[in-house]
Structure formats: C-alpha cells, structure tokens
C-alpha cells in the first residue's frame, strides 16, 4: 500500500532520541530550548515557543491576544477542525468564511463582509503550505502554518502556529511551535504552555541554584509544553528539511508532468513558495477514483470537508467551498516516495479515470 503521507526518518532520529534518554533528562529542557532557537532562526523570527501540538499553539495564541467569551474570530471553512475548536475553547465564536477557488485559502473579501464590531482576530490558514498575504483590514492575525513548515515565506512580524504532527513536513510524532517577534507575547506564551509557571524545572535546577524549588504563577495555564525527546527528533528533522523539501518539489514536478492535459483532472496552481504539504487534484470523479485507487493499493485523502457542513458548525452557505471540496482528492506525497511510485499512482489514476469516463458516456 502506498500511503498518503509518511515521515522521513533514519538512524539520525534514533540516535538523537537515544542521546536524550542517556542524558536522563527527557522532559522540557535544554534540547527543547535549542530546538526553539534553531526553529526561530529558520523562519526568521526572534522567538519560538515549543508546545505539544499546533492545536495548543493556536489556543495559546488566542489567549495572548486576549480573545474573550463572545468575541468573534474569522477563519476559513476549509481547514482542520482544530483551527475552529480553539476559538470555542475560549468561549468565543468561530465565524467561518469562504475560500478562494484557485488555492483554497481564505477569501478576504468574504471575511470582510462577515466582520462586525465583535470581531477581534482572524486566522488565515496556509492551506497545503501555500503562503498567504496579510489581511487587508486591521485585525490581529494568527497564521495557521500547520502545513507550511518548509514554505518560502517570511514569518517575521507575525504570530504563527506550526505543526510537527507525524504526517507533517517536519514530523516529530506530535508537537508544535508558536513564533513571535514581540517579547511580551513570547514571555506570556512561555508561561501559559506550562500551567502559567514562570520558571521551568530545567531553568530552576540548571540556572537558579539558590531556592531552585521556588516559582510563581499568576494565571491559569495549560499542560502544553514539548519535551526533549520530541525536540531531539525536531532538531534532526529541521536539519534535513531542505533535503526533504527538494524531494517534494521534484515529486510535484513529476506529478504535474504526468498528469498535464488529462481530461477531468485539474491540477493545483504552480507555486515555488509553497511547502507542498499536500498535492491535490480536482476531478468530478473524486469518490469513484478514491475507491478505485484504494482497491489497487494506493491511499488518498480529502482535505477538507468544509467545517460549516458539520452539525457543530452548521451555518450559512459558503458556495465556493461547498463546490470545490466535492472535487478534491489528495494524492500520496512524502520525501521517500519514489519516481516509480508516482508513475504508478498516475498510471492507475488515468486507467481508473478512463474506465469511469467510458462508463458515464454509455
């Protein structure tokens, strides 16, 4: 079976984890601090705060922006559910917006029409890893960069939330990061990710030799911090990121060449700034092709069914998202995918498509 995603691991990740285990310090500590410094440098920000998921990162970002109960937060309907659920965590209202037909990122025109005097923030999603422009209106923005590690995009001056989930471009099994340039937001995020406590156990024992048991907390925080085992994998993955991205770009080019001009297949726009976390096609035969490929050992996905079509978020019509999601099919893409496997996916896809087109014409 060819999976949709697969992490790119080798003995380097194994040795990094073993090294942390040998150190006997496996919680939040020096390896996490190093990962934070190196990740911030890689994306062009002053600060990075390591957490246990992108969901946690988004939640903390809302909290540091003082999003309160009853406030409204704009976000696209085409995203993973955690982008909206973190708004609910703060008892605020997730206001779902339509997307642009070409790249499925948030339609700022639609978002502007949904803005009210209760709207306090916006969460643009870098869908598939495609960079997005800043919102054209004066709302604080939290960028959902879950797909975007490896994108050619400057995160400086922004609040960005990153995912290191097992299937992401930089995969630590789970984990996430918030990046900032604002020192006050950074310091509050550092506290919030570990129960509001102002000093980590590592800093108390390694730096503050006097009264190392003392710490303070002034607000309710969360158990969201990363640990050094996860961070050790992250450091190796970060060092390999350019290599992994080159493989993705090569595979995307091959897909585009082999599927160019095929009837009833629409390819995503070319983009040399995207991280290419997803390679999606659009086809009127989405459901049938997904089954056809699955039966022949090729996994696919759908990213995403719009959130407003689920009962929890059921609301008004968002016509572009409603139309486009029914044609979306995500094909396998990961650094270890071989050229031969891409050709197999494309050949099987075209064979299934020919069968379906013939069947529909009869």
Protein backbone atom coordinates (compact mmCIF):
# COMPACT_ATOMS: atom_id res chain seq x y z
CA UNK A 1 0.00 0.00 0.00
CA UNK A 2 1.30 3.46 -0.90
CA UNK A 3 0.30 5.81 1.95
CA UNK A 4 -0.76 9.42 1.52
CA UNK A 5 1.91 10.60 3.98
CA UNK A 6 4.95 9.08 5.65
CA UNK A 7 7.61 10.59 7.95
CA UNK A 8 11.19 10.64 6.66
CA UNK A 9 13.19 9.01 9.47
CA UNK A 10 16.53 7.22 9.62
CA UNK A 11 19.22 6.41 12.18
CA UNK A 12 19.78 10.11 12.89
CA UNK A 13 16.43 10.46 14.66
CA UNK A 14 17.04 7.20 16.52
CA UNK A 15 20.42 8.40 17.79
CA UNK A 16 19.02 11.79 18.80
CA UNK A 17 16.31 10.14 20.91
CA UNK A 18 18.81 7.68 22.40
CA UNK A 19 21.10 10.57 23.34
CA UNK A 20 18.31 12.28 25.27
CA UNK A 21 17.43 9.03 27.02
CA UNK A 22 21.07 8.55 28.03
CA UNK A 23 21.13 12.09 29.45
CA UNK A 24 18.31 11.14 31.87
CA UNK A 25 16.59 14.50 31.22
CA UNK A 26 13.68 13.76 28.91
CA UNK A 27 11.17 16.47 29.87
CA UNK A 28 11.14 20.16 28.98
CA UNK A 29 14.82 21.08 28.99
CA UNK A 30 17.93 22.08 27.05
CA UNK A 31 17.14 20.20 23.85
CA UNK A 32 13.76 21.92 23.64
CA UNK A 33 15.43 25.28 24.19
CA UNK A 34 17.87 24.56 21.36
CA UNK A 35 15.05 23.49 19.04
CA UNK A 36 13.21 26.73 19.81
CA UNK A 37 16.28 28.83 18.97
CA UNK A 38 17.05 27.00 15.74
CA UNK A 39 13.44 26.95 14.55
CA UNK A 40 13.04 30.69 15.18
CA UNK A 41 16.20 31.31 13.17
CA UNK A 42 14.94 29.11 10.32
CA UNK A 43 11.66 31.03 9.92
CA UNK A 44 13.05 34.49 10.56
CA UNK A 45 11.53 35.31 13.96
CA UNK A 46 13.01 36.41 17.28
CA UNK A 47 11.19 33.89 19.44
CA UNK A 48 9.73 30.39 19.28
CA UNK A 49 7.79 28.55 21.97
CA UNK A 50 7.65 24.76 21.66
CA UNK A 51 4.36 23.06 22.54
CA UNK A 52 2.81 19.62 22.15
CA UNK A 53 0.64 20.37 19.09
CA UNK A 54 -0.39 23.07 16.66
CA UNK A 55 -3.78 22.99 18.37
CA UNK A 56 -2.07 24.03 21.60
CA UNK A 57 -0.14 26.72 19.72
CA UNK A 58 -3.35 28.18 18.28
CA UNK A 59 -5.05 28.12 21.68
CA UNK A 60 -2.19 29.94 23.37
CA UNK A 61 -2.06 32.47 20.54
CA UNK A 62 -5.73 33.31 21.12
CA UNK A 63 -5.12 33.64 24.84
CA UNK A 64 -2.17 36.02 24.47
CA UNK A 65 -4.31 38.17 22.16
CA UNK A 66 -6.91 38.35 24.96
CA UNK A 67 -9.73 36.77 22.93
CA UNK A 68 -12.67 36.72 25.34
CA UNK A 69 -16.05 34.98 25.59
CA UNK A 70 -18.42 36.33 22.95
CA UNK A 71 -15.66 37.68 20.72
CA UNK A 72 -15.69 36.67 17.06
CA UNK A 73 -12.73 35.19 15.18
CA UNK A 74 -12.73 34.86 11.38
CA UNK A 75 -11.29 31.71 9.77
CA UNK A 76 -11.73 29.71 6.57
CA UNK A 77 -14.18 26.82 6.48
CA UNK A 78 -11.65 24.68 4.56
CA UNK A 79 -9.34 23.68 7.41
CA UNK A 80 -8.82 21.01 10.04
CA UNK A 81 -11.33 21.27 12.86
CA UNK A 82 -8.80 22.34 15.50
CA UNK A 83 -8.49 25.77 13.83
CA UNK A 84 -12.10 26.43 14.84
CA UNK A 85 -12.24 24.45 18.08
CA UNK A 86 -9.55 26.51 19.76
CA UNK A 87 -11.86 29.51 19.36
CA UNK A 88 -14.54 27.55 21.21
CA UNK A 89 -12.04 26.77 23.98
CA UNK A 90 -12.11 30.49 24.78
CA UNK A 91 -15.94 30.57 24.54
CA UNK A 92 -15.59 32.83 21.53
CA UNK A 93 -17.39 32.46 18.18
CA UNK A 94 -15.71 30.93 15.14
CA UNK A 95 -17.00 32.83 12.10
CA UNK A 96 -16.44 30.62 9.07
CA UNK A 97 -15.54 32.26 5.76
CA UNK A 98 -15.48 31.09 2.16
CA UNK A 99 -12.27 30.36 0.28
CA UNK A 100 -10.69 31.43 -2.99
CA UNK A 101 -11.44 28.97 -5.79
CA UNK A 102 -7.87 28.80 -7.09
CA UNK A 103 -5.85 27.98 -3.97
CA UNK A 104 -8.50 27.33 -1.26
CA UNK A 105 -7.08 29.95 1.12
CA UNK A 106 -9.40 32.34 2.96
CA UNK A 107 -11.34 34.78 0.79
CA UNK A 108 -10.59 38.12 2.44
CA UNK A 109 -13.48 39.71 0.59
CA UNK A 110 -15.93 37.28 2.15
CA UNK A 111 -14.21 37.68 5.53
CA UNK A 112 -14.58 41.46 5.36
CA UNK A 113 -18.33 41.12 4.84
CA UNK A 114 -18.58 38.97 7.99
CA UNK A 115 -16.63 41.37 10.19
CA UNK A 116 -18.63 43.05 12.98
CA UNK A 117 -17.83 45.18 16.00
CA UNK A 118 -17.32 41.92 17.93
CA UNK A 119 -14.64 40.63 15.52
CA UNK A 120 -11.32 40.60 17.37
CA UNK A 121 -8.97 38.43 15.24
CA UNK A 122 -8.55 36.44 12.05
CA UNK A 123 -6.83 33.09 11.45
CA UNK A 124 -5.57 32.77 7.87
CA UNK A 125 -4.66 29.15 7.04
CA UNK A 126 -1.72 28.39 4.76
CA UNK A 127 -3.66 25.64 3.00
CA UNK A 128 -1.39 22.90 1.69
CA UNK A 129 1.59 25.05 2.66
CA UNK A 130 0.82 27.98 0.37
CA UNK A 131 1.82 31.39 1.79
CA UNK A 132 -0.99 33.91 2.14
CA UNK A 133 -0.87 37.72 2.15
CA UNK A 134 -1.64 39.69 5.28
CA UNK A 135 -5.32 40.50 5.81
CA UNK A 136 -6.24 43.81 4.13
CA UNK A 137 -8.03 45.08 7.23
CA UNK A 138 -6.74 45.93 10.67
CA UNK A 139 -7.41 42.78 12.66
CA UNK A 140 -4.77 40.92 14.66
CA UNK A 141 -3.85 37.80 12.68
CA UNK A 142 -2.82 34.35 13.87
CA UNK A 143 -1.41 32.39 10.95
CA UNK A 144 -2.22 28.66 10.96
CA UNK A 145 1.02 27.30 9.48
CA UNK A 146 0.29 23.64 10.23
CA UNK A 147 1.02 22.74 6.58
CA UNK A 148 3.69 25.35 5.98
CA UNK A 149 6.98 24.21 7.53
CA UNK A 150 9.43 24.43 4.64
CA UNK A 151 7.48 27.09 2.75
CA UNK A 152 9.42 30.00 1.27
CA UNK A 153 7.69 32.59 3.42
CA UNK A 154 8.87 35.15 5.95
CA UNK A 155 7.22 34.73 9.33
CA UNK A 156 8.85 37.86 10.77
CA UNK A 157 6.46 40.24 12.48
CA UNK A 158 3.65 37.67 12.59
CA UNK A 159 2.10 35.30 15.12
CA UNK A 160 2.47 31.87 13.51
CA UNK A 161 1.45 28.42 14.72
CA UNK A 162 3.24 25.37 13.31
CA UNK A 163 2.56 21.64 13.39
CA UNK A 164 5.06 18.80 13.74
CA UNK A 165 2.44 16.04 13.70
CA UNK A 166 3.53 12.64 12.40
CA UNK A 167 2.46 13.38 8.80
CA UNK A 168 3.73 16.96 8.52
CA UNK A 169 6.76 18.15 6.53
CA UNK A 170 8.73 18.31 9.77
CA UNK A 171 7.45 15.36 11.79
CA UNK A 172 8.21 14.73 15.45
CA UNK A 173 5.31 12.34 16.10
CA UNK A 174 3.42 15.22 17.65
CA UNK A 175 4.36 18.74 18.60
CA UNK A 176 4.03 22.33 17.55
CA UNK A 177 5.54 25.79 17.80
CA UNK A 178 4.41 29.40 18.17
CA UNK A 179 6.68 32.05 16.71
CA UNK A 180 6.66 35.74 17.61
CA UNK A 181 8.73 38.90 17.41
CA UNK A 182 7.01 40.51 20.40
CA UNK A 183 8.92 39.80 23.66
CA UNK A 184 5.88 40.29 25.91
CA UNK A 185 3.70 37.88 23.91
CA UNK A 186 6.57 35.41 23.90
CA UNK A 187 7.04 35.54 27.67
CA UNK A 188 3.35 35.05 28.31
CA UNK A 189 3.24 32.11 25.89
CA UNK A 190 6.21 30.54 27.70
CA UNK A 191 4.26 30.71 30.95
CA UNK A 192 0.94 29.58 29.52
CA UNK A 193 2.36 26.47 27.88
CA UNK A 194 3.35 25.16 31.34
CA UNK A 195 0.47 25.92 33.70
CA UNK A 196 1.26 29.62 34.00
CA UNK A 197 4.51 28.86 35.87
CA UNK A 198 7.22 31.46 35.38
CA UNK A 199 10.25 29.13 35.54
CA UNK A 200 10.68 25.69 34.03
CA UNK A 201 12.12 22.86 36.10
CA UNK A 202 15.21 22.90 33.88
CA UNK A 203 15.87 26.62 34.41
CA UNK A 204 15.31 26.30 38.15
CA UNK A 205 17.75 23.42 38.52
CA UNK A 206 20.38 24.43 35.96
CA UNK A 207 20.43 28.22 36.35
CA UNK A 208 18.78 29.29 39.59
CA UNK A 209 20.92 27.36 42.05
CA UNK A 210 19.51 29.23 45.06
CA UNK A 211 15.98 28.32 46.13
CA UNK A 212 15.51 26.18 43.00
CA UNK A 213 12.17 24.93 44.27
CA UNK A 214 10.59 28.39 44.08
CA UNK A 215 8.36 29.52 41.22
CA UNK A 216 5.32 31.76 40.68
CA UNK A 217 2.09 31.58 38.72
CA UNK A 218 -0.40 34.40 38.30
CA UNK A 219 -2.96 32.91 35.90
CA UNK A 220 -4.36 29.58 34.82
CA UNK A 221 -2.20 27.95 32.18
CA UNK A 222 -2.09 24.67 30.28
CA UNK A 223 -0.06 21.45 30.16
CA UNK A 224 1.03 22.13 26.59
CA UNK A 225 4.83 22.05 26.68
CA UNK A 226 7.09 19.99 24.43
CA UNK A 227 9.65 17.54 25.85
CA UNK A 228 13.27 16.89 24.94
CA UNK A 229 12.56 13.55 23.25
CA UNK A 230 10.24 15.26 20.79
CA UNK A 231 12.59 18.22 20.39
CA UNK A 232 15.52 15.91 19.61
CA UNK A 233 13.59 14.49 16.66
CA UNK A 234 12.65 18.03 15.67
CA UNK A 235 16.28 19.16 15.53
CA UNK A 236 17.20 16.32 13.18
CA UNK A 237 14.15 16.94 11.04
CA UNK A 238 14.97 20.65 10.88
CA UNK A 239 18.49 19.84 9.69
CA UNK A 240 17.00 17.57 6.99
CA UNK A 241 14.23 19.96 5.98
CA UNK A 242 15.93 21.35 2.85
CA UNK A 243 16.64 17.81 1.65
CA UNK A 244 13.04 16.77 2.28
CA UNK A 245 11.68 19.85 0.52
CA UNK A 246 13.85 19.24 -2.55
CA UNK A 247 12.34 15.76 -2.77
CA UNK A 248 8.82 17.21 -2.53
CA UNK A 249 9.47 19.74 -5.29
CA UNK A 250 10.88 17.00 -7.54
CA UNK A 251 7.87 14.75 -6.94
CA UNK A 252 5.40 17.59 -7.52
CA UNK A 253 7.07 18.38 -10.85
CA UNK A 254 6.74 14.74 -11.87
CA UNK A 255 3.07 14.64 -10.91
CA UNK A 256 2.42 17.79 -12.91
CA UNK A 257 4.23 16.42 -15.96
CA UNK A 258 2.48 13.04 -15.90
CA UNK A 259 -0.99 14.46 -15.28
CA UNK A 260 -0.76 17.52 -17.52
CA UNK A 261 -3.61 17.76 -20.02
CA UNK A 262 -5.53 14.75 -18.68
CA UNK A 263 -9.24 15.33 -19.17
CA UNK A 264 -11.30 15.70 -15.99
CA UNK A 265 -8.23 16.39 -13.84
CA UNK A 266 -7.48 19.91 -12.67
CA UNK A 267 -4.09 20.47 -11.07
CA UNK A 268 -3.24 22.91 -8.29
CA UNK A 269 -1.60 26.13 -9.47
CA UNK A 270 2.19 26.08 -9.75
CA UNK A 271 3.82 27.68 -6.73
CA UNK A 272 7.52 27.69 -5.93
CA UNK A 273 6.90 29.25 -2.49
CA UNK A 274 4.60 26.51 -1.15
CA UNK A 275 5.85 23.81 1.20
CA UNK A 276 3.75 21.33 -0.85
CA UNK A 277 2.48 19.50 2.19
CA UNK A 278 -0.46 18.45 0.01
CA UNK A 279 -0.66 17.53 -3.65
CA UNK A 280 -4.32 17.79 -4.55
CA UNK A 281 -6.18 17.34 -7.81
CA UNK A 282 -9.79 18.21 -8.60
CA UNK A 283 -11.97 15.84 -10.53
CA UNK A 284 -15.71 15.21 -10.94
CA UNK A 285 -14.94 11.51 -10.32
CA UNK A 286 -13.43 12.09 -6.85
CA UNK A 287 -15.33 9.45 -4.88
CA UNK A 288 -15.09 6.74 -7.54
CA UNK A 289 -11.38 7.36 -8.11
CA UNK A 290 -10.64 7.25 -4.38
CA UNK A 291 -12.22 3.78 -4.18
CA UNK A 292 -10.55 2.64 -7.41
CA UNK A 293 -7.11 3.65 -6.14
CA UNK A 294 -7.68 2.21 -2.67
CA UNK A 295 -8.59 -1.17 -4.16
CA UNK A 296 -5.27 -1.12 -6.03
CA UNK A 297 -3.09 -0.31 -3.05
CA UNK A 298 -2.94 3.50 -3.30
CA UNK A 299 -4.21 5.62 -0.42
CA UNK A 300 -5.70 9.06 -0.95
CA UNK A 301 -7.28 11.73 1.23
CA UNK A 302 -9.71 14.63 1.14
CA UNK A 303 -8.56 17.95 2.64
CA UNK A 304 -11.11 19.07 3.74
CA UNK A 305 -14.83 18.71 4.11
CA UNK A 306 -15.80 22.31 5.00
CA UNK A 307 -16.41 22.84 8.69
CA UNK A 308 -19.77 24.55 8.17
CA UNK A 309 -21.15 21.28 6.77
CA UNK A 310 -20.72 19.55 10.13
CA UNK A 311 -23.55 19.81 12.68
CA UNK A 312 -21.38 21.56 15.27
CA UNK A 313 -20.63 24.44 12.90
CA UNK A 314 -23.63 24.31 10.57
CA UNK A 315 -24.41 27.82 9.42
CA UNK A 316 -24.90 29.84 6.23
CA UNK A 317 -23.93 28.77 2.71
CA UNK A 318 -20.32 29.15 1.56
CA UNK A 319 -20.68 28.28 -2.12
CA UNK A 320 -17.05 28.08 -3.28
CA UNK A 321 -16.03 25.71 -0.51
CA UNK A 322 -19.20 23.65 -0.97
CA UNK A 323 -18.47 23.24 -4.67
CA UNK A 324 -14.72 22.67 -4.59
CA UNK A 325 -14.40 20.21 -1.72
CA UNK A 326 -16.52 17.66 -3.60
CA UNK A 327 -13.87 17.55 -6.34
CA UNK A 328 -10.77 17.44 -4.12
CA UNK A 329 -8.52 14.39 -3.91
CA UNK A 330 -5.14 14.36 -2.15
CA UNK A 331 -2.54 12.08 -3.75
CA UNK A 332 0.45 10.49 -1.97
CA UNK A 333 3.33 12.89 -1.35
CA UNK A 334 6.25 12.41 1.03
CA UNK A 335 10.06 12.55 0.65
CA UNK A 336 10.62 8.78 0.42
CA UNK A 337 8.03 8.36 -2.35
CA UNK A 338 9.87 7.08 -5.41
CA UNK A 339 9.60 8.21 -9.01
CA UNK A 340 8.33 4.74 -9.90
CA UNK A 341 5.58 5.03 -7.28
CA UNK A 342 4.49 8.42 -8.62
CA UNK A 343 4.25 6.89 -12.11
CA UNK A 344 2.23 4.01 -10.68
CA UNK A 345 -0.16 6.44 -8.98
CA UNK A 346 -0.55 8.45 -12.19
CA UNK A 347 -0.98 5.42 -14.44
CA UNK A 348 -3.54 3.86 -12.09
CA UNK A 349 -5.36 7.17 -11.80
CA UNK A 350 -5.55 7.59 -15.57
CA UNK A 351 -6.69 3.99 -16.05
CA UNK A 352 -9.45 4.43 -13.50
CA UNK A 353 -10.45 7.74 -15.00
CA UNK A 354 -10.73 6.23 -18.49
CA UNK A 355 -12.96 3.48 -17.16
CA UNK A 356 -15.18 5.96 -15.33
CA UNK A 357 -15.39 8.33 -18.31
CA UNK A 358 -16.41 5.44 -20.58
CA UNK A 359 -18.97 4.23 -18.09
CA UNK A 360 -20.52 7.68 -17.78
CA UNK A 361 -20.71 8.12 -21.55
CA UNK A 362 -22.69 4.92 -22.09
